[in-house]
C-alpha atoms as a PDB file:
ATOM      1  CA  MET A   1      30.753-228.809 -26.320  1.00  0.00           C
ATOM      2  CA  LYS A   2      28.760-226.608 -25.687  1.00  0.00           C
ATOM      3  CA  ARG A   3      27.244-225.342 -22.121  1.00  0.00           C
ATOM      4  CA  ILE A   4      29.048-226.181 -19.488  1.00  0.00           C
ATOM      5  CA  GLY A   5      28.381-225.285 -15.841  1.00  0.00           C
ATOM      6  CA  LEU A   6      30.482-224.235 -12.983  1.00  0.00           C
ATOM      7  CA  ILE A   7      30.031-224.202  -9.080  1.00  0.00           C
ATOM      8  CA  LEU A   8      32.439-223.273  -6.256  1.00  0.00           C
ATOM      9  CA  HIS A   9      33.037-223.673  -3.465  1.00  0.00           C
ATOM     10  CA  ALA A  10      31.973-221.653  -1.062  1.00  0.00           C
ATOM     11  CA  GLU A  11      34.728-220.037   0.435  1.00  0.00           C
ATOM     12  CA  ASN A  12      37.989-221.401  -0.828  1.00  0.00           C
ATOM     13  CA  PRO A  13      39.592-218.714  -2.777  1.00  0.00           C
ATOM     14  CA  GLU A  14      41.543-221.266  -4.781  1.00  0.00           C
ATOM     15  CA  ALA A  15      38.619-222.826  -6.181  1.00  0.00           C
ATOM     16  CA  ALA A  16      37.364-219.286  -7.021  1.00  0.00           C
ATOM     17  CA  GLU A  17      40.312-217.774  -8.821  1.00  0.00           C
ATOM     18  CA  THR A  18      41.065-221.189 -10.615  1.00  0.00           C
ATOM     19  CA  GLY A  19      36.444-220.665 -11.486  1.00  0.00           C
ATOM     20  CA  ARG A  20      37.998-217.138 -12.985  1.00  0.00           C
ATOM     21  CA  TRP A  21      40.729-218.528 -15.505  1.00  0.00           C
ATOM     22  CA  LEU A  22      38.484-221.932 -16.461  1.00  0.00           C
ATOM     23  CA  ALA A  23      35.480-219.464 -17.464  1.00  0.00           C
ATOM     24  CA  ARG A  24      37.858-217.258 -19.502  1.00  0.00           C
ATOM     25  CA  ALA A  25      38.783-220.402 -21.545  1.00  0.00           C
ATOM     26  CA  LEU A  26      35.861-221.663 -21.530  1.00  0.00           C
ATOM     27  CA  GLY A  27      34.283-218.860 -23.416  1.00  0.00           C
ATOM     28  CA  GLU A  28      38.028-218.313 -24.906  1.00  0.00           C
ATOM     29  CA  ARG A  29      36.516-221.557 -27.214  1.00  0.00           C
ATOM     30  CA  GLY A  30      32.919-219.913 -27.780  1.00  0.00           C
ATOM     31  CA  VAL A  31      31.409-222.455 -24.185  1.00  0.00           C
ATOM     32  CA  GLU A  32      28.588-220.630 -22.620  1.00  0.00           C
ATOM     33  CA  VAL A  33      29.388-221.283 -18.981  1.00  0.00           C
ATOM     34  CA  GLN A  34      26.866-220.964 -16.759  1.00  0.00           C
ATOM     35  CA  ALA A  35      26.574-220.773 -12.791  1.00  0.00           C
ATOM     36  CA  PRO A  36      24.317-220.769  -9.981  1.00  0.00           C
ATOM     37  CA  VAL A  37      24.014-217.338  -8.673  1.00  0.00           C
ATOM     38  CA  ALA A  38      25.726-217.405  -5.531  1.00  0.00           C
ATOM     39  CA  ASP A  39      28.331-217.905  -7.821  1.00  0.00           C
ATOM     40  CA  VAL A  40      28.384-215.503 -10.752  1.00  0.00           C
ATOM     41  CA  GLU A  41      29.959-212.653  -8.495  1.00  0.00           C
ATOM     42  CA  ARG A  42      33.277-214.809  -8.118  1.00  0.00           C
ATOM     43  CA  LEU A  43      33.727-216.124 -11.191  1.00  0.00           C
ATOM     44  CA  GLY A  44      33.309-212.718 -12.642  1.00  0.00           C
ATOM     45  CA  ALA A  45      29.756-211.366 -13.967  1.00  0.00           C
ATOM     46  CA  GLY A  46      30.700-211.112 -17.241  1.00  0.00           C
ATOM     47  CA  ALA A  47      32.050-214.333 -18.250  1.00  0.00           C
ATOM     48  CA  VAL A  48      29.358-216.808 -16.703  1.00  0.00           C
ATOM     49  CA  THR A  49      25.095-216.556 -17.257  1.00  0.00           C
ATOM     50  CA  ALA A  50      23.760-216.453 -13.631  1.00  0.00           C
ATOM     51  CA  VAL A  51      21.087-219.605 -13.580  1.00  0.00           C
ATOM     52  CA  GLU A  52      18.196-220.456 -10.484  1.00  0.00           C
ATOM     53  CA  ALA A  53      18.885-223.761 -11.920  1.00  0.00           C
ATOM     54  CA  PHE A  54      21.555-225.508 -13.777  1.00  0.00           C
ATOM     55  CA  ALA A  55      19.474-226.425 -17.549  1.00  0.00           C
ATOM     56  CA  ASP A  56      18.651-229.555 -19.148  1.00  0.00           C
ATOM     57  CA  ASP A  57      20.849-229.022 -21.806  1.00  0.00           C
ATOM     58  CA  LEU A  58      24.226-228.498 -20.265  1.00  0.00           C
ATOM     59  CA  ASP A  59      26.668-231.187 -21.331  1.00  0.00           C
ATOM     60  CA  LEU A  60      28.474-231.047 -18.549  1.00  0.00           C
ATOM     61  CA  VAL A  61      29.095-229.294 -14.782  1.00  0.00           C
ATOM     62  CA  VAL A  62      31.919-229.011 -12.771  1.00  0.00           C
ATOM     63  CA  ALA A  63      32.449-228.553  -9.691  1.00  0.00           C
ATOM     64  CA  LEU A  64      35.609-227.052  -8.137  1.00  0.00           C
ATOM     65  CA  GLY A  65      36.032-227.921  -4.520  1.00  0.00           C
ATOM     66  CA  GLY A  66      35.562-230.749  -2.859  1.00  0.00           C
ATOM     67  CA  ASP A  67      33.483-233.299  -2.344  1.00  0.00           C
ATOM     68  CA  GLY A  68      30.692-231.560  -0.494  1.00  0.00           C
ATOM     69  CA  THR A  69      30.692-228.753  -3.761  1.00  0.00           C
ATOM     70  CA  LEU A  70      30.380-231.745  -6.257  1.00  0.00           C
ATOM     71  CA  LEU A  71      27.145-232.262  -3.775  1.00  0.00           C
ATOM     72  CA  ARG A  72      25.916-228.791  -4.185  1.00  0.00           C
ATOM     73  CA  ALA A  73      26.286-230.099  -7.817  1.00  0.00           C
ATOM     74  CA  VAL A  74      24.060-233.395  -7.761  1.00  0.00           C
ATOM     75  CA  ALA A  75      21.113-230.687  -6.054  1.00  0.00           C
ATOM     76  CA  ALA A  76      21.527-228.224  -8.507  1.00  0.00           C
ATOM     77  CA  ILE A  77      20.377-231.105 -11.288  1.00  0.00           C
ATOM     78  CA  GLN A  78      17.595-232.720 -12.374  1.00  0.00           C
ATOM     79  CA  HIS A  79      18.407-236.596 -12.657  1.00  0.00           C
ATOM     80  CA  PRO A  80      20.376-238.574 -14.571  1.00  0.00           C
ATOM     81  CA  GLY A  81      21.096-234.791 -15.594  1.00  0.00           C
ATOM     82  CA  PRO A  82      24.857-233.531 -17.399  1.00  0.00           C
ATOM     83  CA  PRO A  83      27.847-235.236 -16.501  1.00  0.00           C
ATOM     84  CA  LEU A  84      29.586-234.034 -13.146  1.00  0.00           C
ATOM     85  CA  LEU A  85      33.053-233.698 -13.158  1.00  0.00           C
ATOM     86  CA  GLY A  86      34.722-232.783  -9.726  1.00  0.00           C
ATOM     87  CA  VAL A  87      38.047-231.039  -9.350  1.00  0.00           C
ATOM     88  CA  ASN A  88      39.296-231.964  -5.943  1.00  0.00           C
ATOM     89  CA  PHE A  89      40.739-228.171  -3.513  1.00  0.00           C
ATOM     90  CA  GLY A  90      39.840-230.338  -0.447  1.00  0.00           C
ATOM     91  CA  HIS A  91      40.999-233.301   1.229  1.00  0.00           C
ATOM     92  CA  LEU A  92      40.008-236.898   0.787  1.00  0.00           C
ATOM     93  CA  GLY A  93      37.738-235.843  -2.348  1.00  0.00           C
ATOM     94  CA  PHE A  94      36.511-239.192  -2.951  1.00  0.00           C
ATOM     95  CA  LEU A  95      33.740-237.644  -5.685  1.00  0.00           C
ATOM     96  CA  SER A  96      36.498-235.845  -7.191  1.00  0.00           C
ATOM     97  CA  GLN A  97      37.260-238.151 -10.368  1.00  0.00           C
ATOM     98  CA  MET A  98      40.547-234.533 -10.835  1.00  0.00           C
ATOM     99  CA  GLU A  99      43.034-232.802  -9.567  1.00  0.00           C
ATOM    100  CA  ARG A 100      43.371-229.601  -9.303  1.00  0.00           C
ATOM    101  CA  SER A 101      47.264-228.910 -10.689  1.00  0.00           C
ATOM    102  CA  GLU A 102      45.473-231.533 -13.399  1.00  0.00           C
ATOM    103  CA  LEU A 103      42.813-229.274 -14.773  1.00  0.00           C
ATOM    104  CA  ALA A 104      45.143-226.719 -16.851  1.00  0.00           C
ATOM    105  CA  GLY A 105      46.396-230.033 -18.992  1.00  0.00           C
ATOM    106  CA  GLY A 106      43.001-232.051 -18.724  1.00  0.00           C
ATOM    107  CA  LEU A 107      41.213-229.260 -20.437  1.00  0.00           C
ATOM    108  CA  ALA A 108      41.303-230.336 -24.105  1.00  0.00           C
ATOM    109  CA  THR A 109      40.391-233.383 -22.978  1.00  0.00           C
ATOM    110  CA  VAL A 110      37.123-232.582 -21.125  1.00  0.00           C
ATOM    111  CA  LEU A 111      36.409-230.354 -24.237  1.00  0.00           C
ATOM    112  CA  ASP A 112      36.757-233.359 -26.382  1.00  0.00           C
ATOM    113  CA  GLY A 113      34.389-235.420 -24.143  1.00  0.00           C
ATOM    114  CA  ALA A 114      36.748-238.221 -23.750  1.00  0.00           C
ATOM    115  CA  PHE A 115      35.878-238.972 -20.456  1.00  0.00           C
ATOM    116  CA  ASP A 116      34.479-242.349 -18.826  1.00  0.00           C
ATOM    117  CA  ILE A 117      30.865-242.226 -17.332  1.00  0.00           C
ATOM    118  CA  ASP A 118      30.277-243.363 -13.806  1.00  0.00           C
ATOM    119  CA  GLU A 119      26.748-244.326 -13.377  1.00  0.00           C
ATOM    120  CA  ARG A 120      25.958-243.780  -9.086  1.00  0.00           C
ATOM    121  CA  MET A 121      22.590-244.639  -7.727  1.00  0.00           C
ATOM    122  CA  MET A 122      21.197-242.216  -5.921  1.00  0.00           C
ATOM    123  CA  LEU A 123      18.679-241.998  -3.023  1.00  0.00           C
ATOM    124  CA  GLU A 124      15.227-240.391  -1.436  1.00  0.00           C
ATOM    125  CA  ALA A 125      13.367-240.213   1.295  1.00  0.00           C
ATOM    126  CA  ARG A 126      10.181-239.223   2.339  1.00  0.00           C
ATOM    127  CA  LEU A 127       9.286-237.790   5.907  1.00  0.00           C
ATOM    128  CA  ASP A 128       5.475-239.130   6.332  1.00  0.00           C
ATOM    129  CA  GLY A 129       4.794-239.550   2.546  1.00  0.00           C
ATOM    130  CA  GLY A 130       5.435-235.653   1.867  1.00  0.00           C
ATOM    131  CA  GLU A 131       8.897-233.809   0.973  1.00  0.00           C
ATOM    132  CA  GLN A 132      11.223-235.640  -0.763  1.00  0.00           C
ATOM    133  CA  PHE A 133      14.928-235.447  -0.054  1.00  0.00           C
ATOM    134  CA  PRO A 134      17.484-236.641  -3.064  1.00  0.00           C
ATOM    135  CA  ALA A 135      20.820-238.010  -2.010  1.00  0.00           C
ATOM    136  CA  LEU A 136      23.645-239.739  -3.398  1.00  0.00           C
ATOM    137  CA  ASN A 137      25.920-240.249  -0.545  1.00  0.00           C
ATOM    138  CA  GLU A 138      23.083-240.921   2.102  1.00  0.00           C
ATOM    139  CA  VAL A 139      19.970-239.982   4.632  1.00  0.00           C
ATOM    140  CA  ILE A 140      20.394-239.354   8.224  1.00  0.00           C
ATOM    141  CA  VAL A 141      18.446-239.176  10.804  1.00  0.00           C
ATOM    142  CA  GLU A 142      19.487-238.125  14.160  1.00  0.00           C
ATOM    143  CA  LYS A 143      19.623-236.595  17.346  1.00  0.00           C
ATOM    144  CA  SER A 144      18.465-232.738  17.491  1.00  0.00           C
ATOM    145  CA  SER A 145      19.778-232.273  20.774  1.00  0.00           C
ATOM    146  CA  VAL A 146      23.363-232.645  22.400  1.00  0.00           C
ATOM    147  CA  GLY A 147      24.029-235.453  25.046  1.00  0.00           C
ATOM    148  CA  ARG A 148      20.237-236.643  24.458  1.00  0.00           C
ATOM    149  CA  ALA A 149      19.740-240.406  22.536  1.00  0.00           C
ATOM    150  CA  ILE A 150      16.735-240.750  20.067  1.00  0.00           C
ATOM    151  CA  ARG A 151      14.568-243.884  19.599  1.00  0.00           C
ATOM    152  CA  LEU A 152      14.133-245.499  16.000  1.00  0.00           C
ATOM    153  CA  SER A 153      12.429-248.715  14.875  1.00  0.00           C
ATOM    154  CA  VAL A 154      13.932-249.728  11.734  1.00  0.00           C
ATOM    155  CA  ALA A 155      12.000-251.893   9.448  1.00  0.00           C
ATOM    156  CA  ILE A 156      13.408-253.598   5.665  1.00  0.00           C
ATOM    157  CA  GLY A 157      10.894-254.161   3.268  1.00  0.00           C
ATOM    158  CA  GLY A 158       7.829-253.963   5.417  1.00  0.00           C
ATOM    159  CA  GLU A 159       9.542-256.419   7.594  1.00  0.00           C
ATOM    160  CA  PRO A 160      10.648-254.900  11.298  1.00  0.00           C
ATOM    161  CA  VAL A 161      14.014-255.212  12.260  1.00  0.00           C
ATOM    162  CA  ALA A 162      15.125-253.666  15.280  1.00  0.00           C
ATOM    163  CA  SER A 163      14.390-251.207  17.922  1.00  0.00           C
ATOM    164  CA  TRP A 164      17.446-248.640  18.721  1.00  0.00           C
ATOM    165  CA  LEU A 165      18.189-245.895  20.893  1.00  0.00           C
ATOM    166  CA  ALA A 166      21.243-244.047  19.165  1.00  0.00           C
ATOM    167  CA  ASP A 167      22.615-241.206  18.372  1.00  0.00           C
ATOM    168  CA  GLY A 168      21.131-242.142  15.056  1.00  0.00           C
ATOM    169  CA  LEU A 169      21.162-244.006  12.150  1.00  0.00           C
ATOM    170  CA  ILE A 170      22.611-243.494   8.164  1.00  0.00           C
ATOM    171  CA  VAL A 171      21.175-244.828   5.202  1.00  0.00           C
ATOM    172  CA  ALA A 172      23.844-245.029   2.666  1.00  0.00           C
ATOM    173  CA  THR A 173      24.494-246.035  -0.743  1.00  0.00           C
ATOM    174  CA  PRO A 174      27.781-247.431  -2.294  1.00  0.00           C
ATOM    175  CA  THR A 175      29.216-243.968  -3.246  1.00  0.00           C
ATOM    176  CA  GLY A 176      28.491-242.498   0.668  1.00  0.00           C
ATOM    177  CA  SER A 177      30.094-245.734   2.425  1.00  0.00           C
ATOM    178  CA  THR A 178      33.192-243.765   2.519  1.00  0.00           C
ATOM    179  CA  ALA A 179      31.316-240.894   3.887  1.00  0.00           C
ATOM    180  CA  TYR A 180      30.149-241.036   7.294  1.00  0.00           C
ATOM    181  CA  SER A 181      29.203-244.472   6.893  1.00  0.00           C
ATOM    182  CA  PHE A 182      32.960-244.716   7.187  1.00  0.00           C
ATOM    183  CA  SER A 183      33.085-242.798  10.321  1.00  0.00           C
ATOM    184  CA  ALA A 184      29.997-245.290  12.301  1.00  0.00           C
ATOM    185  CA  GLY A 185      31.706-248.311  11.358  1.00  0.00           C
ATOM    186  CA  GLY A 186      30.576-249.543   7.998  1.00  0.00           C
ATOM    187  CA  PRO A 187      32.479-251.017   5.352  1.00  0.00           C
ATOM    188  CA  VAL A 188      33.826-249.738   2.335  1.00  0.00           C
ATOM    189  CA  VAL A 189      31.217-251.033  -0.486  1.00  0.00           C
ATOM    190  CA  ALA A 190      32.496-250.330  -4.411  1.00  0.00           C
ATOM    191  CA  PRO A 191      30.039-247.952  -6.912  1.00  0.00           C
ATOM    192  CA  ALA A 192      29.199-251.339  -8.816  1.00  0.00           C
ATOM    193  CA  VAL A 193      27.250-252.573  -6.087  1.00  0.00           C
ATOM    194  CA  PRO A 194      23.770-251.586  -6.394  1.00  0.00           C
ATOM    195  CA  CYS A 195      22.446-251.941  -2.273  1.00  0.00           C
ATOM    196  CA  LEU A 196      21.803-249.707   0.614  1.00  0.00           C
ATOM    197  CA  VAL A 197      24.047-249.561   3.694  1.00  0.00           C
ATOM    198  CA  VAL A 198      22.244-249.082   6.935  1.00  0.00           C
ATOM    199  CA  THR A 199      24.251-248.605   9.601  1.00  0.00           C
ATOM    200  CA  PRO A 200      23.210-246.722  13.773  1.00  0.00           C
ATOM    201  CA  VAL A 201      25.175-244.273  15.193  1.00  0.00           C
ATOM    202  CA  ALA A 202      26.307-245.567  18.726  1.00  0.00           C
ATOM    203  CA  PRO A 203      24.004-247.732  19.846  1.00  0.00           C
ATOM    204  CA  HIS A 204      22.642-249.037  23.223  1.00  0.00           C
ATOM    205  CA  GLY A 205      22.940-252.557  22.774  1.00  0.00           C
ATOM    206  CA  VAL A 206      24.286-255.694  21.576  1.00  0.00           C
ATOM    207  CA  PHE A 207      23.502-255.586  18.038  1.00  0.00           C
ATOM    208  CA  ASN A 208      25.394-252.689  16.596  1.00  0.00           C
ATOM    209  CA  ARG A 209      26.335-254.268  12.902  1.00  0.00           C
ATOM    210  CA  THR A 210      25.896-252.106   9.497  1.00  0.00           C
ATOM    211  CA  LEU A 211      22.780-253.867   7.112  1.00  0.00           C
ATOM    212  CA  VAL A 212      23.491-254.324   4.153  1.00  0.00           C
ATOM    213  CA  VAL A 213      20.079-254.030   1.901  1.00  0.00           C
ATOM    214  CA  PRO A 214      19.339-254.571  -1.555  1.00  0.00           C
ATOM    215  CA  PRO A 215      18.454-251.652  -3.677  1.00  0.00           C
ATOM    216  CA  GLY A 216      14.494-253.374  -4.815  1.00  0.00           C
ATOM    217  CA  GLU A 217      13.850-252.992  -0.109  1.00  0.00           C
ATOM    218  CA  GLU A 218      12.992-249.943   1.540  1.00  0.00           C
ATOM    219  CA  VAL A 219      13.854-248.752   4.161  1.00  0.00           C
ATOM    220  CA  LEU A 220      11.091-247.517   6.881  1.00  0.00           C
ATOM    221  CA  VAL A 221      13.133-245.301   9.753  1.00  0.00           C
ATOM    222  CA  ARG A 222      10.177-244.710  12.629  1.00  0.00           C
ATOM    223  CA  VAL A 223      11.070-242.567  15.122  1.00  0.00           C
ATOM    224  CA  LEU A 224       9.001-242.865  18.166  1.00  0.00           C
ATOM    225  CA  PRO A 225       6.420-241.618  20.213  1.00  0.00           C
ATOM    226  CA  GLY A 226       7.838-240.740  23.444  1.00  0.00           C
ATOM    227  CA  SER A 227      11.664-239.948  21.592  1.00  0.00           C
ATOM    228  CA  ASP A 228      13.491-236.929  22.325  1.00  0.00           C
ATOM    229  CA  ALA A 229      13.880-234.696  18.932  1.00  0.00           C
ATOM    230  CA  ALA A 230      15.334-236.108  15.803  1.00  0.00           C
ATOM    231  CA  SER A 231      15.993-234.202  12.186  1.00  0.00           C
ATOM    232  CA  LEU A 232      16.549-235.404   8.761  1.00  0.00           C
ATOM    233  CA  SER A 233      19.256-234.350   6.439  1.00  0.00           C
ATOM    234  CA  ALA A 234      20.082-235.769   3.108  1.00  0.00           C
ATOM    235  CA  ASP A 235      24.507-235.323   1.678  1.00  0.00           C
ATOM    236  CA  GLY A 236      25.134-232.576   4.310  1.00  0.00           C
ATOM    237  CA  ARG A 237      22.023-230.039   3.241  1.00  0.00           C
ATOM    238  CA  ALA A 238      20.543-227.996   6.102  1.00  0.00           C
ATOM    239  CA  ALA A 239      18.528-230.370   8.751  1.00  0.00           C
ATOM    240  CA  VAL A 240      14.502-230.671   8.908  1.00  0.00           C
ATOM    241  CA  ASP A 241      12.666-231.221  12.387  1.00  0.00           C
ATOM    242  CA  VAL A 242      11.194-235.271  12.279  1.00  0.00           C
ATOM    243  CA  PRO A 243       8.652-234.803  14.916  1.00  0.00           C
ATOM    244  CA  PRO A 244       8.462-237.972  17.475  1.00  0.00           C
ATOM    245  CA  GLY A 245       5.729-240.749  16.009  1.00  0.00           C
ATOM    246  CA  SER A 246       7.121-239.665  12.288  1.00  0.00           C
ATOM    247  CA  ASP A 247       8.507-242.036   9.545  1.00  0.00           C
ATOM    248  CA  VAL A 248      11.776-241.406   6.567  1.00  0.00           C
ATOM    249  CA  ARG A 249      10.698-243.918   3.938  1.00  0.00           C
ATOM    250  CA  VAL A 250      14.609-244.505   1.981  1.00  0.00           C
ATOM    251  CA  ARG A 251      14.473-246.411  -0.894  1.00  0.00           C
ATOM    252  CA  ALA A 252      16.882-246.256  -4.621  1.00  0.00           C
ATOM    253  CA  ALA A 253      16.403-243.957  -6.290  1.00  0.00           C
ATOM    254  CA  LEU A 254      15.121-245.055 -10.557  1.00  0.00           C
ATOM    255  CA  ALA A 255      17.390-242.126 -11.802  1.00  0.00           C
ATOM    256  CA  PRO A 256      21.027-242.161 -11.312  1.00  0.00           C
ATOM    257  CA  VAL A 257      23.988-239.337 -10.782  1.00  0.00           C
ATOM    258  CA  ARG A 258      26.349-239.404 -13.528  1.00  0.00           C
ATOM    259  CA  LEU A 259      30.036-238.652 -12.917  1.00  0.00           C
ATOM    260  CA  ALA A 260      32.118-238.075 -15.527  1.00  0.00           C
ATOM    261  CA  ARG A 261      35.383-239.895 -15.032  1.00  0.00           C
ATOM    262  CA  VAL A 262      38.555-238.790 -16.804  1.00  0.00           C
ATOM    263  CA  ASP A 263      41.865-240.932 -15.997  1.00  0.00           C
ATOM    264  CA  GLY A 264      39.840-244.287 -15.118  1.00  0.00           C
ATOM    265  CA  SER A 265      41.732-245.239 -11.461  1.00  0.00           C
ATOM    266  CA  PRO A 266      40.370-248.785 -10.217  1.00  0.00           C
ATOM    267  CA  PHE A 267      38.108-247.536  -7.064  1.00  0.00           C
ATOM    268  CA  TRP A 268      40.482-249.669  -4.933  1.00  0.00           C
ATOM    269  CA  LYS A 269      43.179-247.078  -5.817  1.00  0.00           C
ATOM    270  CA  LEU A 270      41.369-244.753  -5.374  1.00  0.00           C
ATOM    271  CA  VAL A 271      41.145-246.399  -1.388  1.00  0.00           C
ATOM    272  CA  ARG A 272      44.765-246.910  -0.930  1.00  0.00           C
ATOM    273  CA  GLU A 273      45.989-243.664  -1.981  1.00  0.00           C
ATOM    274  CA  LYS A 274      42.602-241.273  -0.052  1.00  0.00           C
ATOM    275  CA  PHE A 275      43.253-243.603   3.190  1.00  0.00           C
ATOM    276  CA  ARG A 276      46.589-243.598   2.658  1.00  0.00           C
ATOM    277  CA  LEU A 277      46.901-247.797   3.178  1.00  0.00           C
ATOM    278  CA  TYR A 278      50.325-249.785   3.058  1.00  0.00           C
ATOM    279  CA  VAL A 279      50.860-252.832   0.689  1.00  0.00           C
ATOM    280  CA  GLU A 280      53.364-254.435   0.537  1.00  0.00           C
ATOM    281  CA  ASP A 281      55.454-255.900  -2.076  1.00  0.00           C
ATOM    282  CA  ALA A 282      55.573-259.261  -2.762  1.00  0.00           C
END
């Protein structure tokens, strides 16, 4: 490998310390290291090249933090782009494929390119046909005011399905099914199953089930006229206002994200370990 990008958890001092070690170790092996401007000072300015966005010719991007840090890396590249390797310093770390304690021993494996690639479906959302919001985990349309639900309608593949008075609506990928969608009562979906997962958040009504949608069908979320204020966010990035009467169209993106997978652990093993599920021996 000739060029690697690094991105750090915004606050975790252990991630910064490990990042400095990794930048030095890569430099000693003749690898050029790039990092976002905000991370350069914490990494040591002499060890890395500051960039506004990662270059297209990177061989790998390493995210040191938790799932939120890897989602920052997703937002910092063009897709499909270089593979992303998440090193977990957080708690669940569903997107991370390596624990912090494994990094030193696994560095040679990573530099040799001896890892598999998981292609994960992305979403793209458009507000009233304007700005596009890419997401690996989820797109959320939700209330802006505490204690005030919003009125939403949903159409799938051009067919009206339901209207809700609710706290919001989540459209997730299979990758994002273990994040906010899961907390709202949605199912755990294996990443290999191509679909969109549509989950209302605290709906006022009898029908409160998740809808699982084929990847070729668009999900249209409308904030109904007369509703209270709403907002749109993608993968936890800063929310934008969604005025009443506005449409948010969500569909599967054409280009996937490529995640580096070092140990080859099955997804269901990850589910068992991260959620600390008990399995009784036969």
